[in-house]
Amino acid sequence: MIEFVQKQLEASERLYRVMAEDNQLRAHNLQMWIDMTADYQKKLADRDRIIEELRAVIAKYEAK
């Protein structure tokens, strides 16, 4: 009986380690995704700003 309980505890510990490693990997991947998305949003905001500046220049020349 004690041997059975010991095997169950060992199996539980192995499963816990695997799940902890998986969680760390997922958290790391999620942080990479967050960083990448933030970078894309910044680039899109810069692009939109440049487009607005160019539209203003075009509108100025069209008004002449």
N, C-alpha and C. Protein backbone atom coordinates (compact mmCIF):
# COMPACT_ATOMS: atom_id res chain seq x y z
N MET A 1 0.82 -1.20 0.00
CA MET A 1 0.00 0.00 0.00
C MET A 1 0.87 1.26 0.00
N ILE A 2 1.92 1.28 0.82
CA ILE A 2 2.80 2.44 0.88
C ILE A 2 3.52 2.63 -0.45
N GLU A 3 3.89 1.53 -1.08
CA GLU A 3 4.56 1.61 -2.38
C GLU A 3 3.64 2.24 -3.42
N PHE A 4 2.37 1.87 -3.41
CA PHE A 4 1.39 2.44 -4.33
C PHE A 4 1.27 3.96 -4.13
N VAL A 5 1.16 4.38 -2.89
CA VAL A 5 1.05 5.80 -2.58
C VAL A 5 2.31 6.54 -3.01
N GLN A 6 3.47 5.93 -2.78
CA GLN A 6 4.74 6.54 -3.18
C GLN A 6 4.79 6.72 -4.70
N LYS A 7 4.36 5.71 -5.45
CA LYS A 7 4.34 5.80 -6.92
C LYS A 7 3.39 6.90 -7.37
N GLN A 8 2.26 7.01 -6.71
CA GLN A 8 1.30 8.05 -7.06
C GLN A 8 1.88 9.44 -6.79
N LEU A 9 2.56 9.60 -5.69
CA LEU A 9 3.20 10.88 -5.37
C LEU A 9 4.27 11.23 -6.40
N GLU A 10 5.07 10.25 -6.79
CA GLU A 10 6.11 10.49 -7.79
C GLU A 10 5.49 10.88 -9.13
N ALA A 11 4.42 10.18 -9.50
CA ALA A 11 3.74 10.51 -10.75
C ALA A 11 3.16 11.92 -10.68
N SER A 12 2.59 12.27 -9.55
CA SER A 12 2.03 13.62 -9.38
C SER A 12 3.12 14.67 -9.47
N GLU A 13 4.28 14.41 -8.89
CA GLU A 13 5.39 15.36 -8.96
C GLU A 13 5.90 15.52 -10.38
N ARG A 14 5.99 14.42 -11.12
CA ARG A 14 6.42 14.50 -12.52
C ARG A 14 5.42 15.32 -13.33
N LEU A 15 4.15 15.04 -13.13
CA LEU A 15 3.10 15.78 -13.85
C LEU A 15 3.16 17.26 -13.51
N TYR A 16 3.36 17.57 -12.24
CA TYR A 16 3.45 18.97 -11.82
C TYR A 16 4.62 19.67 -12.52
N ARG A 17 5.78 19.01 -12.58
CA ARG A 17 6.95 19.61 -13.24
C ARG A 17 6.67 19.86 -14.73
N VAL A 18 6.04 18.88 -15.37
CA VAL A 18 5.72 19.05 -16.80
C VAL A 18 4.75 20.21 -16.98
N MET A 19 3.75 20.28 -16.14
CA MET A 19 2.77 21.36 -16.24
C MET A 19 3.41 22.72 -15.94
N ALA A 20 4.32 22.77 -14.98
CA ALA A 20 5.00 24.02 -14.65
C ALA A 20 5.87 24.48 -15.82
N GLU A 21 6.60 23.56 -16.44
CA GLU A 21 7.42 23.90 -17.60
C GLU A 21 6.54 24.39 -18.75
N ASP A 22 5.43 23.71 -18.98
CA ASP A 22 4.50 24.11 -20.03
C ASP A 22 3.96 25.52 -19.76
N ASN A 23 3.63 25.79 -18.52
CA ASN A 23 3.12 27.11 -18.16
C ASN A 23 4.17 28.19 -18.40
N GLN A 24 5.42 27.92 -18.05
CA GLN A 24 6.49 28.89 -18.28
C GLN A 24 6.66 29.15 -19.77
N LEU A 25 6.63 28.10 -20.57
CA LEU A 25 6.77 28.25 -22.02
C LEU A 25 5.61 29.06 -22.59
N ARG A 26 4.41 28.75 -22.17
CA ARG A 26 3.24 29.49 -22.66
C ARG A 26 3.30 30.96 -22.25
N ALA A 27 3.71 31.22 -21.02
CA ALA A 27 3.82 32.60 -20.54
C ALA A 27 4.87 33.36 -21.35
N HIS A 28 5.99 32.70 -21.63
CA HIS A 28 7.05 33.32 -22.44
C HIS A 28 6.53 33.62 -23.84
N ASN A 29 5.85 32.65 -24.46
CA ASN A 29 5.31 32.85 -25.80
C ASN A 29 4.26 33.95 -25.81
N LEU A 30 3.45 34.02 -24.77
CA LEU A 30 2.44 35.06 -24.68
C LEU A 30 3.10 36.43 -24.58
N GLN A 31 4.16 36.54 -23.79
CA GLN A 31 4.86 37.82 -23.66
C GLN A 31 5.49 38.22 -24.99
N MET A 32 6.03 37.25 -25.73
CA MET A 32 6.59 37.55 -27.05
C MET A 32 5.49 38.08 -27.97
N TRP A 33 4.31 37.47 -27.91
CA TRP A 33 3.17 37.89 -28.74
C TRP A 33 2.74 39.31 -28.36
N ILE A 34 2.70 39.59 -27.06
CA ILE A 34 2.32 40.93 -26.60
C ILE A 34 3.32 41.96 -27.10
N ASP A 35 4.60 41.66 -26.98
CA ASP A 35 5.64 42.59 -27.44
C ASP A 35 5.55 42.81 -28.94
N MET A 36 5.34 41.75 -29.69
CA MET A 36 5.25 41.85 -31.14
C MET A 36 4.03 42.69 -31.54
N THR A 37 2.91 42.45 -30.89
CA THR A 37 1.69 43.19 -31.20
C THR A 37 1.86 44.67 -30.87
N ALA A 38 2.48 44.97 -29.75
CA ALA A 38 2.72 46.37 -29.37
C ALA A 38 3.62 47.04 -30.41
N ASP A 39 4.63 46.33 -30.90
CA ASP A 39 5.52 46.88 -31.91
C ASP A 39 4.75 47.15 -33.21
N TYR A 40 3.89 46.22 -33.61
CA TYR A 40 3.09 46.43 -34.82
C TYR A 40 2.15 47.62 -34.65
N GLN A 41 1.54 47.76 -33.49
CA GLN A 41 0.64 48.89 -33.26
C GLN A 41 1.40 50.21 -33.35
N LYS A 42 2.62 50.24 -32.83
CA LYS A 42 3.43 51.45 -32.91
C LYS A 42 3.77 51.76 -34.37
N LYS A 43 4.14 50.74 -35.12
CA LYS A 43 4.47 50.95 -36.53
C LYS A 43 3.25 51.43 -37.31
N LEU A 44 2.08 50.87 -37.02
CA LEU A 44 0.86 51.30 -37.70
C LEU A 44 0.52 52.74 -37.33
N ALA A 45 0.71 53.11 -36.09
CA ALA A 45 0.45 54.49 -35.66
C ALA A 45 1.41 55.45 -36.38
N ASP A 46 2.68 55.07 -36.50
CA ASP A 46 3.64 55.89 -37.24
C ASP A 46 3.24 56.02 -38.70
N ARG A 47 2.82 54.92 -39.28
CA ARG A 47 2.38 54.94 -40.68
C ARG A 47 1.18 55.86 -40.86
N ASP A 48 0.21 55.76 -39.96
CA ASP A 48 -0.98 56.61 -40.04
C ASP A 48 -0.62 58.09 -39.90
N ARG A 49 0.34 58.39 -39.01
CA ARG A 49 0.79 59.77 -38.83
C ARG A 49 1.42 60.30 -40.11
N ILE A 50 2.26 59.49 -40.73
CA ILE A 50 2.92 59.91 -41.97
C ILE A 50 1.90 60.10 -43.08
N ILE A 51 0.92 59.23 -43.17
CA ILE A 51 -0.13 59.36 -44.18
C ILE A 51 -0.89 60.67 -43.99
N GLU A 52 -1.22 60.99 -42.75
CA GLU A 52 -1.93 62.25 -42.49
C GLU A 52 -1.08 63.45 -42.87
N GLU A 53 0.22 63.39 -42.58
CA GLU A 53 1.11 64.49 -42.97
C GLU A 53 1.16 64.64 -44.49
N LEU A 54 1.25 63.52 -45.20
CA LEU A 54 1.29 63.57 -46.66
C LEU A 54 -0.03 64.07 -47.23
N ARG A 55 -1.14 63.67 -46.64
CA ARG A 55 -2.44 64.17 -47.10
C ARG A 55 -2.55 65.67 -46.89
N ALA A 56 -2.00 66.17 -45.80
CA ALA A 56 -2.02 67.61 -45.55
C ALA A 56 -1.19 68.34 -46.60
N VAL A 57 -0.04 67.79 -46.95
CA VAL A 57 0.81 68.40 -47.98
C VAL A 57 0.08 68.39 -49.32
N ILE A 58 -0.54 67.28 -49.66
CA ILE A 58 -1.28 67.19 -50.93
C ILE A 58 -2.43 68.18 -50.95
N ALA A 59 -3.16 68.27 -49.85
CA ALA A 59 -4.28 69.21 -49.77
C ALA A 59 -3.80 70.65 -49.93
N LYS A 60 -2.62 70.95 -49.38
CA LYS A 60 -2.06 72.30 -49.50
C LYS A 60 -1.75 72.62 -50.96
N TYR A 61 -1.17 71.64 -51.68
CA TYR A 61 -0.85 71.87 -53.09
C TYR A 61 -2.10 71.92 -53.96
N GLU A 62 -3.11 71.15 -53.61
CA GLU A 62 -4.36 71.17 -54.39
C GLU A 62 -5.11 72.48 -54.17
N ALA A 63 -4.94 73.10 -53.02
CA ALA A 63 -5.64 74.34 -52.72
C ALA A 63 -5.06 75.52 -53.50
N LYS A 64 -3.82 75.39 -53.97
CA LYS A 64 -3.17 76.49 -54.70
C LYS A 64 -3.68 76.62 -56.10
